Each structure stands twice: as structure tokens, then as C-alpha cells.
Amino acid sequence: MSQELEIEFKNLLEENEYHRLLSAFSIDDEKRVTQENFYFDTAQFSLKNLGAALRIREKNGTYTLTLKQPTRRGLLETHQVITEEEAKQMLAGGPIIDGEVSTILNTLSINPMDVTFFGSLKTKRAEFEYKNGLLVLDKSYYLNKCDFEVEYEVTDEVIGKDIFEELLQQHHIPVRKTDNKIRRFYDQKKHLLLGEEHS
């Protein structure tokens, strides 16, 4: 298990802004990797209601189960590397495997047996060092939708915020209120479910 505090700033982009940033930082297709996130919650959205999120991320053949929990500064991430077989069992409706993540779920009064697979989000990602932080350009596909965003991961919240806002201004990108990927995923899922109810 590993834990880390994630402090990041993010901003949704229009497609042309996304391509402008790729061009500004000389990012070609070879510098982008594809990763897939598989999201989990209970039928009552217990994790979402706590502001938490649970996912399996597959990247380069490695599967990592990650629980994100809100803290006063950023998000606390708990990572647990799992096997492909364990990932497949969970994606097929099996329970969250025993380990650090299921232990934390129990402390949150969430039964790991109640947590099920909700859907996946695929991201084409470019990431590179930028002014003592990590700048990330994402194009994400999920639930019949595609969106673009820029993220900036830092260790110092105050300095990072200034650098990120300066970057947006420099490239004439307006600040947009941006939810994290899992919230956007759930909003779209809810939107589709409501659409089905009304059809």
C-alpha cells in the first residue's frame, strides 16, 4: 500500500484550447499514453456522498486500486496494486478484495460487499514537468461523451495556484469550474439514467 496527498488544479478545455496547449508544449501522439479508469460505488452512491471515489486504473498492464478521500488540503489517495485476475473479478461484480482499501471502507461504514462496478473512463494523457509541478493534458471518453482538460499537480498549494492561473491567462483560457473526472462521470451517468426514465 502507498498513500499520498494530491494537490491539483484543473480546468476544462474547449477542443481548440486543448490542441493549442498540445502545440505550445510540442506534444505529439507518441508522448501521449492511454489509461483506463474503472469506477466503483454502492447503489446509494455512498462514496460519492462522502466526496470520496474508488477506482481501478489500468496503465501499461498494471492494475491499481485507488481510494480517494477529501482532506483539508487536496485528496488523500490510498493505492493498492492488484493482479489482473483480481481486477477482472471485481469488474465482473465480485467484491472489493481484502486489503488496505477494504479496511478503510469499513472505517467509513461502507461494506465492501455493497460496492459494485459502475463503468469506465478512458483517457489519452500527456504529462510533463512544468515549473516544479506536473502539467497534464487529458482527452477523456466516457458514456458517449468526450471532454478535454488541463491539470496541474503540485506540492505547494499557494504557489501552484498562481502558476496555474498564469498559464491559463497566458494561453487565453477562461477559468471554468471543473469537477473531477469521477464526478463528471457520475453526472453523465445520472443524466443518461434520467433520459432513459423519461423515454
N, C-alpha and C. Protein backbone atom coordinates (compact mmCIF):
# COMPACT_ATOMS: atom_id res chain seq x y z
N MET A 1 0.85 -1.19 0.00
CA MET A 1 0.00 0.00 0.00
C MET A 1 0.88 1.24 0.00
N SER A 2 0.42 2.28 -0.68
CA SER A 2 1.09 3.58 -0.57
C SER A 2 0.02 4.64 -0.44
N GLN A 3 0.36 5.72 0.24
CA GLN A 3 -0.58 6.84 0.39
C GLN A 3 0.13 8.12 -0.01
N GLU A 4 -0.63 9.03 -0.63
CA GLU A 4 -0.06 10.32 -0.98
C GLU A 4 -1.15 11.37 -0.94
N LEU A 5 -0.71 12.61 -0.69
CA LEU A 5 -1.63 13.74 -0.70
C LEU A 5 -1.57 14.37 -2.08
N GLU A 6 -2.72 14.44 -2.73
CA GLU A 6 -2.77 15.00 -4.08
C GLU A 6 -3.32 16.42 -4.03
N ILE A 7 -2.51 17.38 -4.49
CA ILE A 7 -2.97 18.77 -4.62
C ILE A 7 -2.92 19.09 -6.10
N GLU A 8 -4.08 19.33 -6.69
CA GLU A 8 -4.06 19.62 -8.12
C GLU A 8 -5.11 20.67 -8.47
N PHE A 9 -4.82 21.37 -9.53
CA PHE A 9 -5.75 22.36 -10.09
C PHE A 9 -6.15 21.85 -11.46
N LYS A 10 -7.41 22.07 -11.82
CA LYS A 10 -7.86 21.56 -13.11
C LYS A 10 -8.80 22.54 -13.77
N ASN A 11 -8.86 22.46 -15.09
CA ASN A 11 -9.70 23.36 -15.85
C ASN A 11 -10.14 22.64 -17.12
N LEU A 12 -11.45 22.62 -17.35
CA LEU A 12 -11.95 22.05 -18.60
C LEU A 12 -11.52 22.92 -19.77
N LEU A 13 -11.31 22.29 -20.90
CA LEU A 13 -10.87 23.00 -22.09
C LEU A 13 -11.85 22.78 -23.25
N GLU A 14 -11.93 23.77 -24.13
CA GLU A 14 -12.57 23.55 -25.42
C GLU A 14 -11.57 22.75 -26.27
N GLU A 15 -12.07 22.07 -27.28
CA GLU A 15 -11.17 21.23 -28.08
C GLU A 15 -10.04 22.05 -28.71
N ASN A 16 -10.36 23.26 -29.20
CA ASN A 16 -9.31 24.08 -29.83
C ASN A 16 -8.26 24.53 -28.81
N GLU A 17 -8.68 24.78 -27.55
CA GLU A 17 -7.73 25.17 -26.49
C GLU A 17 -6.79 24.00 -26.17
N TYR A 18 -7.36 22.82 -26.13
CA TYR A 18 -6.58 21.60 -25.87
C TYR A 18 -5.49 21.44 -26.94
N HIS A 19 -5.87 21.59 -28.21
CA HIS A 19 -4.90 21.44 -29.30
C HIS A 19 -3.87 22.57 -29.28
N ARG A 20 -4.28 23.76 -28.86
CA ARG A 20 -3.33 24.87 -28.72
C ARG A 20 -2.26 24.55 -27.68
N LEU A 21 -2.67 23.98 -26.55
CA LEU A 21 -1.71 23.64 -25.50
C LEU A 21 -0.79 22.50 -25.95
N LEU A 22 -1.34 21.50 -26.64
CA LEU A 22 -0.51 20.41 -27.16
C LEU A 22 0.58 21.00 -28.06
N SER A 23 0.17 21.92 -28.89
CA SER A 23 1.09 22.54 -29.83
C SER A 23 2.12 23.42 -29.10
N ALA A 24 1.65 24.19 -28.12
CA ALA A 24 2.54 25.10 -27.37
C ALA A 24 3.65 24.34 -26.66
N PHE A 25 3.34 23.13 -26.19
CA PHE A 25 4.33 22.33 -25.46
C PHE A 25 4.94 21.22 -26.32
N SER A 26 4.70 21.31 -27.64
CA SER A 26 5.27 20.34 -28.60
C SER A 26 4.98 18.89 -28.24
N ILE A 27 3.72 18.61 -27.93
CA ILE A 27 3.32 17.25 -27.57
C ILE A 27 2.75 16.57 -28.81
N ASP A 28 3.41 15.51 -29.26
CA ASP A 28 2.85 14.75 -30.38
C ASP A 28 2.24 13.45 -29.84
N ASP A 29 1.68 12.66 -30.73
CA ASP A 29 0.95 11.45 -30.34
C ASP A 29 1.81 10.47 -29.55
N GLU A 30 3.10 10.40 -29.89
CA GLU A 30 3.98 9.43 -29.22
C GLU A 30 4.17 9.75 -27.74
N LYS A 31 3.94 11.02 -27.37
CA LYS A 31 4.15 11.42 -25.97
C LYS A 31 2.88 11.24 -25.14
N ARG A 32 1.83 10.70 -25.76
CA ARG A 32 0.58 10.52 -25.02
C ARG A 32 0.33 9.03 -24.75
N VAL A 33 -0.10 8.72 -23.54
CA VAL A 33 -0.41 7.34 -23.19
C VAL A 33 -1.91 7.21 -22.91
N THR A 34 -2.43 6.01 -23.15
CA THR A 34 -3.84 5.77 -22.88
C THR A 34 -3.97 4.99 -21.59
N GLN A 35 -4.84 5.45 -20.73
CA GLN A 35 -5.11 4.72 -19.48
C GLN A 35 -6.61 4.62 -19.30
N GLU A 36 -7.03 3.61 -18.55
CA GLU A 36 -8.46 3.43 -18.34
C GLU A 36 -8.76 3.34 -16.85
N ASN A 37 -9.77 4.09 -16.42
CA ASN A 37 -10.24 4.05 -15.03
C ASN A 37 -11.57 3.32 -14.97
N PHE A 38 -11.70 2.43 -13.99
CA PHE A 38 -12.94 1.70 -13.77
C PHE A 38 -13.49 2.13 -12.41
N TYR A 39 -14.68 2.71 -12.40
CA TYR A 39 -15.21 3.34 -11.18
C TYR A 39 -16.20 2.43 -10.43
N PHE A 40 -16.16 2.56 -9.10
CA PHE A 40 -16.99 1.74 -8.21
C PHE A 40 -17.71 2.62 -7.20
N ASP A 41 -18.90 2.19 -6.79
CA ASP A 41 -19.61 2.83 -5.68
C ASP A 41 -20.73 1.88 -5.25
N THR A 42 -21.46 2.26 -4.23
CA THR A 42 -22.63 1.46 -3.84
C THR A 42 -23.83 1.98 -4.63
N ALA A 43 -24.91 1.23 -4.59
CA ALA A 43 -26.14 1.65 -5.30
C ALA A 43 -26.65 2.98 -4.76
N GLN A 44 -26.31 3.28 -3.50
CA GLN A 44 -26.76 4.54 -2.87
C GLN A 44 -25.74 5.69 -3.06
N PHE A 45 -24.70 5.45 -3.87
CA PHE A 45 -23.63 6.44 -4.07
C PHE A 45 -22.99 6.85 -2.74
N SER A 46 -22.74 5.86 -1.87
CA SER A 46 -22.19 6.16 -0.54
C SER A 46 -20.84 6.87 -0.61
N LEU A 47 -19.98 6.44 -1.52
CA LEU A 47 -18.66 7.07 -1.64
C LEU A 47 -18.80 8.49 -2.17
N LYS A 48 -19.58 8.65 -3.23
CA LYS A 48 -19.78 9.97 -3.83
C LYS A 48 -20.33 10.94 -2.78
N ASN A 49 -21.25 10.45 -1.94
CA ASN A 49 -21.85 11.32 -0.92
C ASN A 49 -20.83 11.77 0.13
N LEU A 50 -19.76 11.02 0.28
CA LEU A 50 -18.69 11.40 1.21
C LEU A 50 -17.62 12.24 0.52
N GLY A 51 -17.81 12.47 -0.78
CA GLY A 51 -16.79 13.19 -1.54
C GLY A 51 -15.60 12.31 -1.88
N ALA A 52 -15.78 10.98 -1.68
CA ALA A 52 -14.70 10.03 -1.94
C ALA A 52 -14.92 9.35 -3.30
N ALA A 53 -13.90 8.62 -3.75
CA ALA A 53 -14.01 7.92 -5.03
C ALA A 53 -13.16 6.66 -4.99
N LEU A 54 -13.62 5.65 -5.70
CA LEU A 54 -12.89 4.38 -5.75
C LEU A 54 -12.76 3.96 -7.21
N ARG A 55 -11.52 3.62 -7.60
CA ARG A 55 -11.32 3.23 -8.99
C ARG A 55 -10.24 2.17 -9.08
N ILE A 56 -10.28 1.44 -10.19
CA ILE A 56 -9.14 0.64 -10.62
C ILE A 56 -8.60 1.35 -11.86
N ARG A 57 -7.29 1.57 -11.90
CA ARG A 57 -6.68 2.15 -13.09
C ARG A 57 -5.77 1.11 -13.73
N GLU A 58 -5.99 0.91 -15.03
CA GLU A 58 -5.10 0.03 -15.79
C GLU A 58 -4.19 0.91 -16.61
N LYS A 59 -2.88 0.74 -16.42
CA LYS A 59 -1.90 1.53 -17.16
C LYS A 59 -0.70 0.64 -17.45
N ASN A 60 -0.41 0.47 -18.72
CA ASN A 60 0.72 -0.37 -19.13
C ASN A 60 0.68 -1.77 -18.52
N GLY A 61 -0.52 -2.34 -18.43
CA GLY A 61 -0.65 -3.71 -17.94
C GLY A 61 -0.62 -3.85 -16.43
N THR A 62 -0.52 -2.71 -15.70
CA THR A 62 -0.52 -2.75 -14.23
C THR A 62 -1.88 -2.25 -13.73
N TYR A 63 -2.43 -2.93 -12.73
CA TYR A 63 -3.74 -2.58 -12.18
C TYR A 63 -3.55 -2.06 -10.76
N THR A 64 -4.11 -0.86 -10.50
CA THR A 64 -4.00 -0.27 -9.16
C THR A 64 -5.39 0.13 -8.68
N LEU A 65 -5.73 -0.34 -7.48
CA LEU A 65 -6.99 0.04 -6.83
C LEU A 65 -6.69 1.28 -5.99
N THR A 66 -7.43 2.36 -6.23
CA THR A 66 -7.16 3.63 -5.52
C THR A 66 -8.43 4.17 -4.90
N LEU A 67 -8.33 4.49 -3.61
CA LEU A 67 -9.41 5.17 -2.90
C LEU A 67 -8.97 6.61 -2.67
N LYS A 68 -9.80 7.56 -3.11
CA LYS A 68 -9.51 8.99 -2.89
C LYS A 68 -10.46 9.51 -1.83
N GLN A 69 -9.90 10.17 -0.82
CA GLN A 69 -10.73 10.76 0.25
C GLN A 69 -10.37 12.24 0.40
N PRO A 70 -11.39 13.09 0.57
CA PRO A 70 -11.10 14.52 0.72
C PRO A 70 -10.43 14.81 2.06
N THR A 71 -9.47 15.73 2.03
CA THR A 71 -8.85 16.23 3.26
C THR A 71 -8.91 17.76 3.18
N ARG A 72 -8.43 18.41 4.22
CA ARG A 72 -8.48 19.87 4.24
C ARG A 72 -7.70 20.45 3.07
N ARG A 73 -6.59 19.79 2.72
CA ARG A 73 -5.77 20.25 1.59
C ARG A 73 -5.67 19.12 0.57
N GLY A 74 -6.51 19.16 -0.44
CA GLY A 74 -6.41 18.17 -1.50
C GLY A 74 -7.09 16.85 -1.18
N LEU A 75 -6.57 15.78 -1.79
CA LEU A 75 -7.17 14.46 -1.63
C LEU A 75 -6.12 13.49 -1.11
N LEU A 76 -6.53 12.64 -0.16
CA LEU A 76 -5.65 11.57 0.30
C LEU A 76 -5.93 10.36 -0.59
N GLU A 77 -4.88 9.87 -1.25
CA GLU A 77 -5.03 8.72 -2.13
C GLU A 77 -4.38 7.50 -1.49
N THR A 78 -5.10 6.40 -1.41
CA THR A 78 -4.56 5.13 -0.94
C THR A 78 -4.50 4.19 -2.13
N HIS A 79 -3.29 3.73 -2.46
CA HIS A 79 -3.08 2.88 -3.64
C HIS A 79 -2.79 1.45 -3.21
N GLN A 80 -3.39 0.51 -3.89
CA GLN A 80 -3.15 -0.91 -3.63
C GLN A 80 -3.00 -1.61 -4.98
N VAL A 81 -1.81 -2.11 -5.26
CA VAL A 81 -1.58 -2.81 -6.53
C VAL A 81 -2.27 -4.17 -6.46
N ILE A 82 -3.01 -4.50 -7.53
CA ILE A 82 -3.75 -5.77 -7.58
C ILE A 82 -3.38 -6.51 -8.86
N THR A 83 -3.74 -7.78 -8.91
CA THR A 83 -3.44 -8.57 -10.11
C THR A 83 -4.54 -8.35 -11.15
N GLU A 84 -4.24 -8.72 -12.38
CA GLU A 84 -5.24 -8.61 -13.45
C GLU A 84 -6.45 -9.48 -13.12
N GLU A 85 -6.18 -10.66 -12.53
CA GLU A 85 -7.25 -11.59 -12.17
C GLU A 85 -8.18 -10.96 -11.12
N GLU A 86 -7.59 -10.31 -10.10
CA GLU A 86 -8.39 -9.65 -9.06
C GLU A 86 -9.22 -8.52 -9.66
N ALA A 87 -8.60 -7.75 -10.58
CA ALA A 87 -9.33 -6.66 -11.25
C ALA A 87 -10.52 -7.23 -12.02
N LYS A 88 -10.29 -8.31 -12.76
CA LYS A 88 -11.37 -8.91 -13.56
C LYS A 88 -12.51 -9.40 -12.68
N GLN A 89 -12.16 -9.96 -11.51
CA GLN A 89 -13.20 -10.44 -10.59
C GLN A 89 -14.08 -9.29 -10.11
N MET A 90 -13.44 -8.17 -9.78
CA MET A 90 -14.20 -7.00 -9.29
C MET A 90 -15.05 -6.40 -10.41
N LEU A 91 -14.51 -6.37 -11.62
CA LEU A 91 -15.25 -5.81 -12.75
C LEU A 91 -16.43 -6.71 -13.14
N ALA A 92 -16.32 -7.99 -12.80
CA ALA A 92 -17.40 -8.93 -13.12
C ALA A 92 -18.46 -8.97 -12.03
N GLY A 93 -18.33 -8.05 -11.04
CA GLY A 93 -19.35 -7.98 -9.99
C GLY A 93 -18.93 -8.60 -8.67
N GLY A 94 -17.69 -9.07 -8.62
CA GLY A 94 -17.19 -9.64 -7.36
C GLY A 94 -16.93 -8.56 -6.33
N PRO A 95 -16.72 -8.96 -5.07
CA PRO A 95 -16.50 -7.95 -4.02
C PRO A 95 -15.13 -7.30 -4.13
N ILE A 96 -15.00 -6.14 -3.47
CA ILE A 96 -13.69 -5.47 -3.37
C ILE A 96 -12.78 -6.41 -2.58
N ILE A 97 -11.59 -6.67 -3.12
CA ILE A 97 -10.72 -7.65 -2.47
C ILE A 97 -10.23 -7.14 -1.12
N ASP A 98 -9.88 -8.09 -0.25
CA ASP A 98 -9.36 -7.73 1.06
C ASP A 98 -8.06 -6.96 0.92
N GLY A 99 -7.84 -6.05 1.85
CA GLY A 99 -6.60 -5.26 1.82
C GLY A 99 -6.82 -3.91 2.45
N GLU A 100 -5.87 -3.01 2.22
CA GLU A 100 -5.89 -1.69 2.85
C GLU A 100 -7.16 -0.91 2.48
N VAL A 101 -7.56 -1.00 1.20
CA VAL A 101 -8.72 -0.22 0.75
C VAL A 101 -10.00 -0.71 1.41
N SER A 102 -10.20 -2.04 1.46
CA SER A 102 -11.44 -2.55 2.09
C SER A 102 -11.45 -2.22 3.59
N THR A 103 -10.27 -2.19 4.21
CA THR A 103 -10.18 -1.83 5.63
C THR A 103 -10.66 -0.39 5.85
N ILE A 104 -10.21 0.52 4.97
CA ILE A 104 -10.63 1.93 5.09
C ILE A 104 -12.12 2.06 4.81
N LEU A 105 -12.64 1.33 3.82
CA LEU A 105 -14.09 1.37 3.52
C LEU A 105 -14.89 1.01 4.77
N ASN A 106 -14.44 -0.02 5.49
CA ASN A 106 -15.13 -0.41 6.72
C ASN A 106 -15.11 0.70 7.75
N THR A 107 -13.99 1.44 7.85
CA THR A 107 -13.94 2.55 8.82
C THR A 107 -14.88 3.68 8.41
N LEU A 108 -15.23 3.74 7.11
CA LEU A 108 -16.17 4.75 6.62
C LEU A 108 -17.62 4.25 6.70
N SER A 109 -17.80 3.08 7.35
CA SER A 109 -19.13 2.43 7.47
C SER A 109 -19.70 2.05 6.10
N ILE A 110 -18.81 1.68 5.18
CA ILE A 110 -19.24 1.18 3.87
C ILE A 110 -18.81 -0.28 3.78
N ASN A 111 -19.78 -1.15 3.56
CA ASN A 111 -19.48 -2.57 3.43
C ASN A 111 -18.88 -2.83 2.05
N PRO A 112 -17.62 -3.35 1.99
CA PRO A 112 -17.00 -3.61 0.68
C PRO A 112 -17.85 -4.53 -0.21
N MET A 113 -18.69 -5.35 0.42
CA MET A 113 -19.56 -6.25 -0.36
C MET A 113 -20.65 -5.48 -1.11
N ASP A 114 -20.94 -4.24 -0.66
CA ASP A 114 -22.00 -3.43 -1.30
C ASP A 114 -21.48 -2.60 -2.47
N VAL A 115 -20.16 -2.61 -2.65
CA VAL A 115 -19.55 -1.77 -3.69
C VAL A 115 -19.51 -2.52 -5.01
N THR A 116 -20.01 -1.89 -6.07
CA THR A 116 -20.02 -2.56 -7.38
C THR A 116 -19.48 -1.66 -8.48
N PHE A 117 -19.17 -2.28 -9.60
CA PHE A 117 -18.60 -1.59 -10.76
C PHE A 117 -19.67 -0.75 -11.45
N PHE A 118 -19.34 0.51 -11.75
CA PHE A 118 -20.31 1.44 -12.35
C PHE A 118 -20.04 1.74 -13.82
N GLY A 119 -18.79 1.65 -14.25
CA GLY A 119 -18.47 1.98 -15.63
C GLY A 119 -17.03 2.45 -15.75
N SER A 120 -16.60 2.72 -16.99
CA SER A 120 -15.19 3.07 -17.18
C SER A 120 -15.03 4.38 -17.94
N LEU A 121 -13.86 4.97 -17.78
CA LEU A 121 -13.50 6.22 -18.44
C LEU A 121 -12.09 6.03 -19.01
N LYS A 122 -11.93 6.26 -20.30
CA LYS A 122 -10.63 6.09 -20.95
C LYS A 122 -10.03 7.47 -21.22
N THR A 123 -8.75 7.62 -20.92
CA THR A 123 -8.09 8.91 -21.08
C THR A 123 -6.82 8.78 -21.91
N LYS A 124 -6.69 9.68 -22.86
CA LYS A 124 -5.43 9.82 -23.59
C LYS A 124 -4.69 10.95 -22.91
N ARG A 125 -3.54 10.66 -22.32
CA ARG A 125 -2.88 11.60 -21.40
C ARG A 125 -1.47 11.96 -21.84
N ALA A 126 -1.16 13.25 -21.74
CA ALA A 126 0.23 13.73 -21.88
C ALA A 126 0.59 14.40 -20.57
N GLU A 127 1.75 14.04 -19.99
CA GLU A 127 2.15 14.69 -18.75
C GLU A 127 3.65 15.02 -18.81
N PHE A 128 3.99 16.17 -18.23
CA PHE A 128 5.38 16.62 -18.28
C PHE A 128 5.63 17.62 -17.15
N GLU A 129 6.90 17.73 -16.76
CA GLU A 129 7.30 18.65 -15.71
C GLU A 129 7.07 20.09 -16.16
N TYR A 130 6.55 20.92 -15.24
CA TYR A 130 6.32 22.33 -15.56
C TYR A 130 6.43 23.15 -14.28
N LYS A 131 7.47 23.95 -14.17
CA LYS A 131 7.65 24.86 -13.04
C LYS A 131 7.43 24.18 -11.68
N ASN A 132 8.22 23.17 -11.41
CA ASN A 132 8.19 22.43 -10.14
C ASN A 132 6.89 21.67 -9.88
N GLY A 133 6.12 21.44 -10.92
CA GLY A 133 4.91 20.64 -10.79
C GLY A 133 4.79 19.71 -12.00
N LEU A 134 3.65 19.05 -12.10
CA LEU A 134 3.40 18.16 -13.22
C LEU A 134 2.18 18.68 -13.97
N LEU A 135 2.37 19.02 -15.24
CA LEU A 135 1.26 19.50 -16.07
C LEU A 135 0.72 18.33 -16.88
N VAL A 136 -0.60 18.22 -16.89
CA VAL A 136 -1.26 17.07 -17.53
C VAL A 136 -2.32 17.57 -18.51
N LEU A 137 -2.29 17.03 -19.72
CA LEU A 137 -3.33 17.33 -20.72
C LEU A 137 -4.08 16.05 -21.02
N ASP A 138 -5.39 16.08 -20.78
CA ASP A 138 -6.21 14.87 -20.91
C ASP A 138 -7.33 15.03 -21.93
N LYS A 139 -7.53 13.97 -22.70
CA LYS A 139 -8.73 13.84 -23.53
C LYS A 139 -9.41 12.57 -23.03
N SER A 140 -10.63 12.71 -22.51
CA SER A 140 -11.31 11.58 -21.87
C SER A 140 -12.58 11.19 -22.60
N TYR A 141 -12.82 9.88 -22.64
CA TYR A 141 -14.01 9.31 -23.28
C TYR A 141 -14.79 8.51 -22.25
N TYR A 142 -16.09 8.79 -22.10
CA TYR A 142 -16.91 8.04 -21.15
C TYR A 142 -18.38 8.24 -21.47
N LEU A 143 -19.15 7.17 -21.41
CA LEU A 143 -20.61 7.22 -21.52
C LEU A 143 -21.08 8.12 -22.68
N ASN A 144 -20.61 7.85 -23.88
CA ASN A 144 -20.99 8.60 -25.09
C ASN A 144 -20.55 10.06 -25.07
N LYS A 145 -19.55 10.38 -24.27
CA LYS A 145 -19.11 11.79 -24.13
C LYS A 145 -17.59 11.85 -24.29
N CYS A 146 -17.11 13.01 -24.71
CA CYS A 146 -15.67 13.23 -24.80
C CYS A 146 -15.40 14.62 -24.22
N ASP A 147 -14.40 14.75 -23.33
CA ASP A 147 -14.05 16.09 -22.86
C ASP A 147 -12.54 16.26 -22.76
N PHE A 148 -12.12 17.50 -22.55
CA PHE A 148 -10.70 17.87 -22.54
C PHE A 148 -10.42 18.68 -21.28
N GLU A 149 -9.24 18.45 -20.69
CA GLU A 149 -8.90 19.26 -19.51
C GLU A 149 -7.39 19.37 -19.34
N VAL A 150 -7.01 20.40 -18.59
CA VAL A 150 -5.63 20.56 -18.18
C VAL A 150 -5.61 20.46 -16.65
N GLU A 151 -4.61 19.72 -16.13
CA GLU A 151 -4.44 19.58 -14.68
C GLU A 151 -3.01 19.99 -14.33
N TYR A 152 -2.86 20.48 -13.11
CA TYR A 152 -1.53 20.84 -12.64
C TYR A 152 -1.38 20.29 -11.22
N GLU A 153 -0.48 19.31 -11.07
CA GLU A 153 -0.26 18.66 -9.77
C GLU A 153 0.96 19.27 -9.11
N VAL A 154 0.78 19.68 -7.84
CA VAL A 154 1.84 20.41 -7.14
C VAL A 154 1.96 19.94 -5.69
N THR A 155 3.03 20.37 -5.05
CA THR A 155 3.19 20.10 -3.61
C THR A 155 2.86 21.34 -2.79
N ASP A 156 2.99 22.52 -3.40
CA ASP A 156 2.68 23.78 -2.70
C ASP A 156 1.41 24.39 -3.31
N GLU A 157 0.34 24.41 -2.51
CA GLU A 157 -0.97 24.84 -3.00
C GLU A 157 -0.98 26.30 -3.45
N VAL A 158 -0.35 27.19 -2.67
CA VAL A 158 -0.41 28.63 -2.96
C VAL A 158 0.37 28.97 -4.23
N ILE A 159 1.62 28.49 -4.29
CA ILE A 159 2.46 28.77 -5.47
C ILE A 159 1.84 28.10 -6.70
N GLY A 160 1.38 26.88 -6.53
CA GLY A 160 0.79 26.13 -7.65
C GLY A 160 -0.41 26.84 -8.25
N LYS A 161 -1.24 27.41 -7.40
CA LYS A 161 -2.44 28.12 -7.87
C LYS A 161 -2.04 29.32 -8.74
N ASP A 162 -1.04 30.06 -8.28
CA ASP A 162 -0.57 31.23 -9.05
C ASP A 162 -0.02 30.81 -10.42
N ILE A 163 0.79 29.76 -10.43
CA ILE A 163 1.41 29.30 -11.69
C ILE A 163 0.32 28.82 -12.66
N PHE A 164 -0.67 28.10 -12.11
CA PHE A 164 -1.73 27.55 -12.97
C PHE A 164 -2.58 28.68 -13.57
N GLU A 165 -2.94 29.65 -12.74
CA GLU A 165 -3.76 30.76 -13.25
C GLU A 165 -2.98 31.58 -14.29
N GLU A 166 -1.68 31.72 -14.07
CA GLU A 166 -0.82 32.44 -15.01
C GLU A 166 -0.78 31.70 -16.36
N LEU A 167 -0.70 30.38 -16.29
CA LEU A 167 -0.69 29.56 -17.51
C LEU A 167 -1.97 29.75 -18.32
N LEU A 168 -3.12 29.72 -17.62
CA LEU A 168 -4.40 29.90 -18.31
C LEU A 168 -4.48 31.27 -18.96
N GLN A 169 -4.06 32.31 -18.23
CA GLN A 169 -4.08 33.68 -18.78
C GLN A 169 -3.20 33.79 -20.01
N GLN A 170 -2.01 33.22 -19.90
CA GLN A 170 -1.02 33.28 -20.97
C GLN A 170 -1.58 32.69 -22.27
N HIS A 171 -2.40 31.65 -22.14
CA HIS A 171 -2.95 30.97 -23.32
C HIS A 171 -4.41 31.37 -23.59
N HIS A 172 -4.86 32.44 -22.92
CA HIS A 172 -6.21 32.99 -23.14
C HIS A 172 -7.31 31.95 -22.94
N ILE A 173 -7.17 31.21 -21.83
CA ILE A 173 -8.17 30.18 -21.49
C ILE A 173 -8.93 30.66 -20.26
N PRO A 174 -10.26 30.81 -20.36
CA PRO A 174 -11.02 31.26 -19.19
C PRO A 174 -11.04 30.21 -18.08
N VAL A 175 -11.07 30.68 -16.84
CA VAL A 175 -11.19 29.76 -15.70
C VAL A 175 -12.60 29.18 -15.70
N ARG A 176 -12.70 27.86 -15.64
CA ARG A 176 -14.01 27.20 -15.60
C ARG A 176 -14.09 26.32 -14.36
N LYS A 177 -15.23 26.35 -13.70
CA LYS A 177 -15.43 25.45 -12.55
C LYS A 177 -15.38 24.03 -13.10
N THR A 178 -14.45 23.24 -12.58
CA THR A 178 -14.22 21.91 -13.14
C THR A 178 -14.29 20.84 -12.06
N ASP A 179 -15.27 19.95 -12.17
CA ASP A 179 -15.35 18.80 -11.27
C ASP A 179 -14.30 17.76 -11.68
N ASN A 180 -13.96 16.89 -10.73
CA ASN A 180 -13.02 15.84 -11.11
C ASN A 180 -13.69 14.81 -12.02
N LYS A 181 -12.88 13.94 -12.59
CA LYS A 181 -13.39 13.01 -13.61
C LYS A 181 -14.52 12.14 -13.09
N ILE A 182 -14.37 11.64 -11.87
CA ILE A 182 -15.40 10.70 -11.39
C ILE A 182 -16.73 11.43 -11.21
N ARG A 183 -16.69 12.70 -10.78
CA ARG A 183 -17.95 13.44 -10.63
C ARG A 183 -18.58 13.72 -11.99
N ARG A 184 -17.73 14.04 -12.97
CA ARG A 184 -18.27 14.26 -14.32
C ARG A 184 -18.86 12.96 -14.86
N PHE A 185 -18.18 11.86 -14.57
CA PHE A 185 -18.67 10.55 -14.99
C PHE A 185 -20.04 10.27 -14.37
N TYR A 186 -20.16 10.49 -13.05
CA TYR A 186 -21.44 10.22 -12.37
C TYR A 186 -22.55 11.16 -12.84
N ASP A 187 -22.20 12.42 -13.08
CA ASP A 187 -23.21 13.36 -13.58
C ASP A 187 -23.74 12.90 -14.93
N GLN A 188 -22.84 12.44 -15.79
CA GLN A 188 -23.26 11.96 -17.10
C GLN A 188 -24.09 10.67 -16.98
N LYS A 189 -23.69 9.80 -16.04
CA LYS A 189 -24.44 8.55 -15.82
C LYS A 189 -25.85 8.87 -15.34
N LYS A 190 -25.95 9.82 -14.41
CA LYS A 190 -27.26 10.23 -13.89
C LYS A 190 -28.11 10.84 -15.00
N HIS A 191 -27.46 11.66 -15.83
CA HIS A 191 -28.14 12.30 -16.95
C HIS A 191 -28.70 11.25 -17.91
N LEU A 192 -27.89 10.22 -18.20
CA LEU A 192 -28.35 9.16 -19.10
C LEU A 192 -29.48 8.35 -18.48
N LEU A 193 -29.36 8.08 -17.17
CA LEU A 193 -30.40 7.31 -16.48
C LEU A 193 -31.72 8.07 -16.47
N LEU A 194 -31.64 9.39 -16.22
CA LEU A 194 -32.86 10.22 -16.22
C LEU A 194 -33.47 10.24 -17.61
N GLY A 195 -32.61 10.30 -18.62
CA GLY A 195 -33.07 10.28 -20.00
C GLY A 195 -33.83 9.00 -20.32
N GLU A 196 -33.31 7.87 -19.78
CA GLU A 196 -33.98 6.58 -20.00
C GLU A 196 -35.34 6.55 -19.32
N GLU A 197 -35.39 7.14 -18.10
CA GLU A 197 -36.66 7.16 -17.36
C GLU A 197 -37.73 7.92 -18.11
N HIS A 198 -37.32 9.00 -18.80
CA HIS A 198 -38.29 9.86 -19.49
C HIS A 198 -38.61 9.39 -20.90
N SER A 199 -37.84 8.41 -21.39
CA SER A 199 -38.09 7.98 -22.78
C SER A 199 -39.14 6.88 -22.84
